[in-house]
Amino acid sequence: MPDSDIVLSSVLARLERYVGLESPSGDVARTSALAGVLAGELAQAGAEVTLHDAPGWGRHVEARVEGTDPLLAPLVLLGHLDTVFPAGTLQARPFRVAEGRATGPGVFDMKAGLAVLVETLGLLRAAGERPRRPLRILVTCDEEVGSGSSRATIEALATGAAGTLVLEPSLPGGAAKTARKGVATYRLRALGRAAHAGVEPEKGISAITELARQVLAVQALAAPERGTTVTVGLIGGGSASNVVPAEAWAEVDVRFATGGEAARVDAAVRALAPALPGARLEVAGGVNRPPLERTAAGIALYQAARAVAAELGFELPEGATGGGSDGNFTAALGVPTLDGLGPQGGGAHAVHEHVRVDDLPRRVALLRRLLASL
């Protein structure tokens, strides 16, 4: 194995390069620029690279690497290059390494995972090695906003795969993710009838009153004991304080741990009916990420990774999270999926986002051995 100090220096330089290219979701020029850099570095690492245009979002990077046994089912590796931070954040919080931490916008979620991925492939090529299975790699540019333009490509690459490894950030303590909640989003739109609030309010139908009742009905669908949460995160309506409101709307976030819960909530939301005579209700949206459920096949993949980590001298715990990733889609296809293989850190989507520098070489070593042994 290469000296860990050499690996650390190389992967840190790579990480600084990626963080230095801001890539907010929906910023086509910036995400495409980073996609171009990743494509070039993956090609240097021996991959066959294809760029997929994603109108309005940028470009997805697909890469393929031959395995030593081409007859084996392939292994899928997933990541994303978009971040939640707006352009200009880098100026206020540039990439910095201090007190054992690397900081900067997107460093944890998930440019460190991308650096680990590309570094690993580069090391394999430099050593004249190849992974055991053929690799199908996809780095998307729209994961933070639901993967609407990349889902079909993810599912196509994963069909028939032996397993999926996702380089998203690890859980606190470095744990891999063996379960993720699914996500549904809905927009409720209540329609009433406007009227003068002082002269003839009785002639109006309050869309806000209608919506308020629907908000309570939707929130009653939560079942925290089963891992199902419902959050009304945005709401608006009306035109003036002296007008009975003719329109109001709310946006709803639902998280669920199982497909059964997703189906239950979705059916109930679509069955909502107006509470006020004369009011109308429109429901848009639905499930956009199925859950990554904890399965026997997924745990077998985790146990293999845990054994490799033990050989390398560190623990690899497991856990679950309420957030979704592109791994949710592969898991829903029945492909064993192990998520959260990125480096330790914290503060995803926050100003204190960081990565533990000492974990970077360890994650490179883990991924390298997994690709050789799985």
Protein backbone atom coordinates (compact mmCIF):
# COMPACT_ATOMS: atom_id res chain seq x y z
CA MET A 1 0.00 0.00 0.00
CA PRO A 2 1.24 3.53 -0.73
CA ASP A 3 2.55 5.55 2.17
CA SER A 4 -0.43 7.20 3.91
CA ASP A 5 1.32 10.57 4.03
CA ILE A 6 1.74 10.54 0.26
CA VAL A 7 -1.89 9.55 -0.20
CA LEU A 8 -3.00 12.26 2.22
CA SER A 9 -1.06 14.94 0.38
CA SER A 10 -2.49 13.87 -2.96
CA VAL A 11 -6.11 13.49 -1.85
CA LEU A 12 -6.00 16.81 0.03
CA ALA A 13 -4.77 18.59 -3.09
CA ARG A 14 -7.56 16.94 -5.05
CA LEU A 15 -10.12 17.95 -2.43
CA GLU A 16 -8.91 21.55 -2.47
CA ARG A 17 -9.27 21.56 -6.25
CA TYR A 18 -12.87 20.33 -6.06
CA VAL A 19 -13.92 22.67 -3.25
CA GLY A 20 -12.33 25.54 -5.16
CA LEU A 21 -14.82 24.95 -7.98
CA GLU A 22 -18.14 26.04 -6.50
CA SER A 23 -21.04 23.96 -7.80
CA PRO A 24 -24.43 25.11 -6.50
CA SER A 25 -27.38 23.03 -7.70
CA GLY A 26 -28.84 24.63 -10.81
CA ASP A 27 -25.78 26.71 -11.65
CA VAL A 28 -25.16 25.15 -15.06
CA ALA A 29 -21.85 26.86 -15.77
CA ARG A 30 -20.27 26.04 -12.42
CA THR A 31 -21.52 22.46 -12.11
CA SER A 32 -20.49 21.78 -15.70
CA ALA A 33 -17.01 23.13 -14.99
CA LEU A 34 -16.55 20.73 -12.09
CA ALA A 35 -18.01 17.90 -14.16
CA GLY A 36 -15.35 18.60 -16.79
CA VAL A 37 -12.56 18.44 -14.22
CA LEU A 38 -13.89 15.19 -12.77
CA ALA A 39 -14.25 13.71 -16.24
CA GLY A 40 -10.65 14.54 -17.04
CA GLU A 41 -9.29 13.11 -13.79
CA LEU A 42 -11.38 9.94 -14.10
CA ALA A 43 -10.06 9.48 -17.61
CA GLN A 44 -6.49 9.90 -16.31
CA ALA A 45 -7.30 7.19 -13.78
CA GLY A 46 -8.12 4.80 -16.61
CA ALA A 47 -11.89 5.13 -16.85
CA GLU A 48 -13.96 5.40 -19.99
CA VAL A 49 -15.92 8.61 -19.41
CA THR A 50 -19.22 9.90 -20.79
CA LEU A 51 -20.80 13.26 -19.97
CA HIS A 52 -24.61 13.44 -19.93
CA ASP A 53 -26.25 16.82 -20.44
CA ALA A 54 -28.85 17.69 -17.81
CA PRO A 55 -30.66 20.79 -19.10
CA GLY A 56 -31.06 23.35 -16.37
CA TRP A 57 -28.66 21.55 -14.04
CA GLY A 58 -25.35 20.89 -15.77
CA ARG A 59 -23.77 17.55 -16.64
CA HIS A 60 -23.67 14.12 -15.06
CA VAL A 61 -20.38 12.22 -15.21
CA GLU A 62 -20.52 8.52 -16.06
CA ALA A 63 -17.35 6.43 -15.95
CA ARG A 64 -16.66 2.75 -16.55
CA VAL A 65 -13.67 0.71 -15.52
CA GLU A 66 -12.96 -2.83 -16.67
CA GLY A 67 -12.63 -5.54 -14.03
CA THR A 68 -10.26 -8.47 -13.88
CA ASP A 69 -13.28 -10.75 -14.34
CA PRO A 70 -15.54 -9.18 -16.97
CA LEU A 71 -18.09 -11.98 -16.54
CA LEU A 72 -18.97 -10.84 -13.04
CA ALA A 73 -21.92 -8.53 -12.48
CA PRO A 74 -20.70 -4.94 -12.15
CA LEU A 75 -20.37 -2.82 -9.04
CA VAL A 76 -21.96 0.64 -9.05
CA LEU A 77 -20.30 3.63 -7.37
CA LEU A 78 -22.36 6.78 -6.79
CA GLY A 79 -21.66 10.37 -5.85
CA HIS A 80 -22.84 13.90 -6.61
CA LEU A 81 -21.01 17.10 -7.41
CA ASP A 82 -23.69 19.69 -6.61
CA THR A 83 -23.83 21.49 -3.27
CA VAL A 84 -26.40 23.55 -1.37
CA PHE A 85 -24.11 26.58 -1.05
CA PRO A 86 -24.69 29.60 -3.34
CA ALA A 87 -21.94 30.98 -5.52
CA GLY A 88 -19.74 33.34 -3.54
CA THR A 89 -19.69 31.23 -0.38
CA LEU A 90 -16.12 30.22 -1.16
CA GLN A 91 -14.96 33.81 -0.86
CA ALA A 92 -16.23 33.97 2.72
CA ARG A 93 -15.18 30.42 3.62
CA PRO A 94 -12.27 29.30 1.42
CA PHE A 95 -10.79 25.83 1.63
CA ARG A 96 -8.64 25.60 4.74
CA VAL A 97 -6.86 22.89 6.72
CA ALA A 98 -6.37 23.54 10.42
CA GLU A 99 -6.45 21.50 13.63
CA GLY A 100 -6.93 18.24 11.74
CA ARG A 101 -9.93 19.48 9.78
CA ALA A 102 -10.49 20.50 6.18
CA THR A 103 -13.22 23.11 5.75
CA GLY A 104 -14.96 24.87 2.89
CA PRO A 105 -18.36 24.77 1.14
CA GLY A 106 -19.25 21.25 0.09
CA VAL A 107 -16.14 19.69 1.62
CA PHE A 108 -18.15 17.11 3.60
CA ASP A 109 -21.21 16.76 1.38
CA MET A 110 -19.70 15.45 -0.71
CA LYS A 111 -16.52 16.57 -2.38
CA ALA A 112 -14.38 14.58 0.04
CA GLY A 113 -16.14 11.43 -1.14
CA LEU A 114 -15.43 12.37 -4.75
CA ALA A 115 -11.77 12.97 -3.91
CA VAL A 116 -11.57 9.54 -2.27
CA LEU A 117 -13.18 7.90 -5.29
CA VAL A 118 -10.91 9.46 -7.91
CA GLU A 119 -7.81 9.05 -5.74
CA THR A 120 -8.55 5.35 -5.31
CA LEU A 121 -8.94 4.75 -9.03
CA GLY A 122 -5.73 6.66 -9.69
CA LEU A 123 -3.82 4.52 -7.21
CA LEU A 124 -5.14 1.35 -8.81
CA ARG A 125 -3.97 2.45 -12.23
CA ALA A 126 -0.58 3.60 -10.96
CA ALA A 127 -0.06 0.15 -9.41
CA GLY A 128 -1.15 -1.65 -12.57
CA GLU A 129 -4.20 -3.06 -10.78
CA ARG A 130 -7.85 -3.29 -11.69
CA PRO A 131 -10.96 -3.87 -9.62
CA ARG A 132 -12.29 -7.41 -9.48
CA ARG A 133 -15.68 -6.48 -10.94
CA PRO A 134 -16.42 -4.04 -13.75
CA LEU A 135 -17.26 -0.63 -12.30
CA ARG A 136 -20.09 1.65 -13.31
CA ILE A 137 -19.59 5.08 -11.79
CA LEU A 138 -22.04 7.98 -11.82
CA VAL A 139 -21.50 11.43 -10.35
CA THR A 140 -24.72 13.43 -10.64
CA CYS A 141 -25.22 17.21 -10.69
CA ASP A 142 -28.73 17.37 -9.19
CA GLU A 143 -28.75 15.12 -6.12
CA GLU A 144 -29.35 17.95 -3.67
CA VAL A 145 -32.56 18.89 -5.51
CA GLY A 146 -34.07 15.43 -5.90
CA SER A 147 -32.14 13.81 -8.80
CA GLY A 148 -34.98 14.45 -11.22
CA SER A 149 -32.73 14.46 -14.29
CA SER A 150 -30.45 11.65 -13.15
CA ARG A 151 -32.78 9.04 -11.69
CA ALA A 152 -33.32 7.17 -14.97
CA THR A 153 -29.57 6.97 -15.57
CA ILE A 154 -28.94 5.77 -12.01
CA GLU A 155 -31.52 3.03 -12.36
CA ALA A 156 -30.26 1.99 -15.79
CA LEU A 157 -26.67 1.66 -14.53
CA ALA A 158 -27.75 -0.27 -11.44
CA THR A 159 -29.97 -2.78 -13.20
CA GLY A 160 -28.29 -6.17 -12.91
CA ALA A 161 -25.50 -4.87 -10.65
CA ALA A 162 -24.03 -6.95 -7.85
CA GLY A 163 -24.09 -4.02 -5.44
CA THR A 164 -23.82 -0.27 -4.99
CA LEU A 165 -21.30 1.71 -2.96
CA VAL A 166 -22.21 5.32 -2.22
CA LEU A 167 -19.45 7.79 -1.32
CA GLU A 168 -21.79 10.14 0.58
CA PRO A 169 -20.60 11.38 4.00
CA SER A 170 -20.43 8.90 6.85
CA LEU A 171 -22.53 9.18 9.99
CA PRO A 172 -21.04 10.61 13.21
CA GLY A 173 -18.21 8.36 14.32
CA GLY A 174 -17.58 7.23 10.75
CA ALA A 175 -20.52 4.83 10.53
CA ALA A 176 -21.74 3.57 7.18
CA LYS A 177 -25.40 4.01 6.29
CA THR A 178 -27.37 0.79 5.94
CA ALA A 179 -30.76 2.50 5.92
CA ARG A 180 -32.10 5.84 4.71
CA LYS A 181 -35.58 7.26 4.83
CA GLY A 182 -37.47 7.93 1.65
CA VAL A 183 -38.85 11.35 0.77
CA ALA A 184 -42.12 12.69 -0.55
CA THR A 185 -43.01 16.32 -1.16
CA TYR A 186 -46.47 17.72 -1.78
CA ARG A 187 -47.94 21.09 -2.57
CA LEU A 188 -51.46 21.68 -1.30
CA ARG A 189 -53.42 24.48 -2.96
CA ALA A 190 -56.72 25.60 -1.47
CA LEU A 191 -59.10 27.68 -3.58
CA GLY A 192 -61.95 29.67 -2.09
CA ARG A 193 -63.80 32.84 -3.05
CA ALA A 194 -62.73 36.42 -2.39
CA ALA A 195 -65.00 38.93 -0.65
CA HIS A 196 -64.71 42.19 1.27
CA ALA A 197 -63.75 41.28 4.84
CA GLY A 198 -65.78 44.14 6.34
CA VAL A 199 -68.78 44.59 4.02
CA GLU A 200 -69.80 41.06 3.05
CA PRO A 201 -67.43 38.43 4.47
CA GLU A 202 -70.25 35.89 4.43
CA LYS A 203 -70.05 35.84 0.64
CA GLY A 204 -66.43 34.68 0.73
CA ILE A 205 -64.86 31.26 1.21
CA SER A 206 -61.56 31.47 3.06
CA ALA A 207 -58.85 29.48 1.33
CA ILE A 208 -56.64 30.02 4.37
CA THR A 209 -59.22 28.43 6.68
CA GLU A 210 -59.53 25.54 4.27
CA LEU A 211 -55.77 25.15 4.10
CA ALA A 212 -55.43 25.30 7.90
CA ARG A 213 -57.76 22.33 8.22
CA GLN A 214 -55.83 20.44 5.57
CA VAL A 215 -52.53 21.16 7.33
CA LEU A 216 -53.89 19.57 10.50
CA ALA A 217 -55.16 16.59 8.51
CA VAL A 218 -51.80 16.07 6.82
CA GLN A 219 -49.83 16.39 10.06
CA ALA A 220 -52.08 13.73 11.62
CA LEU A 221 -50.62 11.23 9.13
CA ALA A 222 -47.27 11.27 10.93
CA ALA A 223 -46.29 8.07 12.71
CA PRO A 224 -42.97 8.73 14.47
CA GLU A 225 -43.03 5.29 16.06
CA ARG A 226 -42.80 3.85 12.54
CA GLY A 227 -40.27 6.42 11.35
CA THR A 228 -42.78 8.57 9.46
CA THR A 229 -42.60 12.34 9.87
CA VAL A 230 -44.66 15.08 8.24
CA THR A 231 -43.46 18.68 8.14
CA VAL A 232 -45.31 21.64 6.64
CA GLY A 233 -42.30 23.78 5.84
CA LEU A 234 -43.70 26.56 3.65
CA ILE A 235 -47.09 28.25 3.62
CA GLY A 236 -48.65 31.32 2.01
CA GLY A 237 -51.87 32.83 0.74
CA GLY A 238 -54.26 35.72 0.59
CA SER A 239 -53.99 39.09 -1.14
CA ALA A 240 -54.72 41.69 1.56
CA SER A 241 -55.74 41.80 5.22
CA ASN A 242 -59.22 43.12 4.37
CA VAL A 243 -60.00 40.46 1.75
CA VAL A 244 -61.35 36.98 2.40
CA PRO A 245 -58.54 34.96 0.79
CA ALA A 246 -59.30 33.18 -2.44
CA GLU A 247 -56.10 31.13 -2.56
CA ALA A 248 -53.60 29.61 -0.15
CA TRP A 249 -50.87 27.00 -0.45
CA ALA A 250 -48.53 24.87 1.64
CA GLU A 251 -45.54 22.65 0.89
CA VAL A 252 -45.21 19.42 2.81
CA ASP A 253 -42.18 17.21 3.46
CA VAL A 254 -42.76 13.56 4.36
CA ARG A 255 -40.07 11.08 5.45
CA PHE A 256 -40.66 7.33 5.80
CA ALA A 257 -38.58 4.28 6.60
CA THR A 258 -40.54 1.70 4.59
CA GLY A 259 -42.30 1.43 1.28
CA GLY A 260 -45.50 0.50 3.10
CA GLU A 261 -45.51 3.80 4.97
CA ALA A 262 -44.84 5.68 1.75
CA ALA A 263 -47.88 4.06 0.13
CA ARG A 264 -50.09 4.74 3.18
CA VAL A 265 -49.26 8.43 3.38
CA ASP A 266 -49.39 8.97 -0.37
CA ALA A 267 -52.85 7.41 -0.62
CA ALA A 268 -54.11 9.50 2.30
CA VAL A 269 -52.76 12.78 0.91
CA ARG A 270 -54.33 12.12 -2.48
CA ALA A 271 -57.66 11.29 -0.80
CA LEU A 272 -57.86 14.68 0.97
CA ALA A 273 -61.17 16.43 0.32
CA PRO A 274 -62.25 20.02 0.94
CA ALA A 275 -63.61 20.71 4.42
CA LEU A 276 -65.51 23.94 3.66
CA PRO A 277 -68.58 24.01 1.39
CA GLY A 278 -67.63 25.51 -1.95
CA ALA A 279 -63.87 25.27 -1.42
CA ARG A 280 -61.60 23.35 -3.75
CA LEU A 281 -58.35 21.53 -3.06
CA GLU A 282 -55.51 20.62 -5.41
CA VAL A 283 -52.69 18.22 -4.52
CA ALA A 284 -49.45 18.05 -6.49
CA GLY A 285 -46.23 16.12 -5.93
CA GLY A 286 -45.55 12.68 -4.53
CA VAL A 287 -42.78 10.28 -3.59
CA ASN A 288 -39.47 11.38 -5.10
CA ARG A 289 -37.12 9.01 -3.24
CA PRO A 290 -38.04 5.51 -2.12
CA PRO A 291 -36.53 4.39 1.19
CA LEU A 292 -33.24 2.55 1.43
CA GLU A 293 -34.45 -0.23 3.69
CA ARG A 294 -32.18 -2.35 5.84
CA THR A 295 -32.09 -5.75 4.11
CA ALA A 296 -30.16 -8.98 4.54
CA ALA A 297 -28.35 -8.41 1.23
CA GLY A 298 -27.43 -4.87 2.21
CA ILE A 299 -26.13 -6.02 5.58
CA ALA A 300 -24.04 -8.72 3.89
CA LEU A 301 -22.39 -5.96 1.84
CA TYR A 302 -21.84 -3.93 5.01
CA GLN A 303 -20.29 -6.92 6.80
CA ALA A 304 -17.83 -7.34 3.95
CA ALA A 305 -16.83 -3.68 4.25
CA ARG A 306 -16.62 -3.96 8.03
CA ALA A 307 -14.26 -6.93 7.72
CA VAL A 308 -12.01 -4.98 5.35
CA ALA A 309 -11.98 -2.02 7.73
CA ALA A 310 -10.97 -4.35 10.57
CA GLU A 311 -8.06 -5.62 8.48
CA LEU A 312 -7.01 -1.99 8.06
CA GLY A 313 -7.20 -1.45 11.80
CA PHE A 314 -10.34 0.60 12.31
CA GLU A 315 -13.99 0.11 13.21
CA LEU A 316 -16.75 0.66 10.66
CA PRO A 317 -20.07 0.95 12.55
CA GLU A 318 -23.43 1.15 10.80
CA GLY A 319 -26.53 3.29 11.25
CA ALA A 320 -29.53 4.94 9.63
CA THR A 321 -30.37 8.51 8.63
CA GLY A 322 -33.44 10.52 7.75
CA GLY A 323 -31.89 12.03 4.62
CA GLY A 324 -32.03 10.45 1.19
CA SER A 325 -29.39 9.90 -1.48
CA ASP A 326 -29.06 8.43 -4.96
CA GLY A 327 -28.48 5.09 -3.22
CA ASN A 328 -32.18 5.04 -2.37
CA PHE A 329 -32.95 4.42 -6.03
CA THR A 330 -30.58 1.47 -6.41
CA ALA A 331 -31.79 -0.10 -3.17
CA ALA A 332 -35.40 0.15 -4.39
CA LEU A 333 -34.36 -1.95 -7.40
CA GLY A 334 -33.26 -4.70 -5.04
CA VAL A 335 -29.55 -4.00 -5.53
CA PRO A 336 -27.58 -4.37 -2.24
CA THR A 337 -26.55 -0.83 -1.36
CA LEU A 338 -24.05 0.46 1.17
CA ASP A 339 -24.06 4.20 1.74
CA GLY A 340 -21.99 6.66 3.76
CA LEU A 341 -18.55 5.43 2.75
CA GLY A 342 -17.19 8.96 2.59
CA PRO A 343 -14.80 10.34 5.23
CA GLN A 344 -15.73 11.34 8.75
CA GLY A 345 -16.72 14.91 9.42
CA GLY A 346 -19.80 16.93 10.20
CA GLY A 347 -21.84 20.04 9.56
CA ALA A 348 -23.36 19.03 6.23
CA HIS A 349 -25.18 22.03 4.68
CA ALA A 350 -23.95 24.28 7.52
CA VAL A 351 -21.23 26.89 8.07
CA HIS A 352 -19.24 24.49 10.28
CA GLU A 353 -19.01 21.79 7.58
CA HIS A 354 -15.73 19.91 7.86
CA VAL A 355 -13.87 16.68 7.14
CA ARG A 356 -11.38 14.88 9.37
CA VAL A 357 -8.10 14.94 7.50
CA ASP A 358 -6.74 11.79 9.12
CA ASP A 359 -9.68 9.76 7.80
CA LEU A 360 -9.01 10.50 4.14
CA PRO A 361 -6.19 7.95 3.56
CA ARG A 362 -8.14 5.38 5.54
CA ARG A 363 -11.18 5.76 3.31
CA VAL A 364 -9.02 5.47 0.21
CA ALA A 365 -7.53 2.25 1.55
CA LEU A 366 -10.98 0.90 2.41
CA LEU A 367 -12.40 1.58 -1.02
CA ARG A 368 -9.33 0.18 -2.75
CA ARG A 369 -9.58 -3.13 -0.92
CA LEU A 370 -13.33 -3.31 -1.44
CA LEU A 371 -12.91 -2.92 -5.18
CA ALA A 372 -10.32 -5.69 -5.16
CA SER A 373 -12.31 -8.13 -3.05
CA LEU A 374 -16.05 -7.70 -3.48
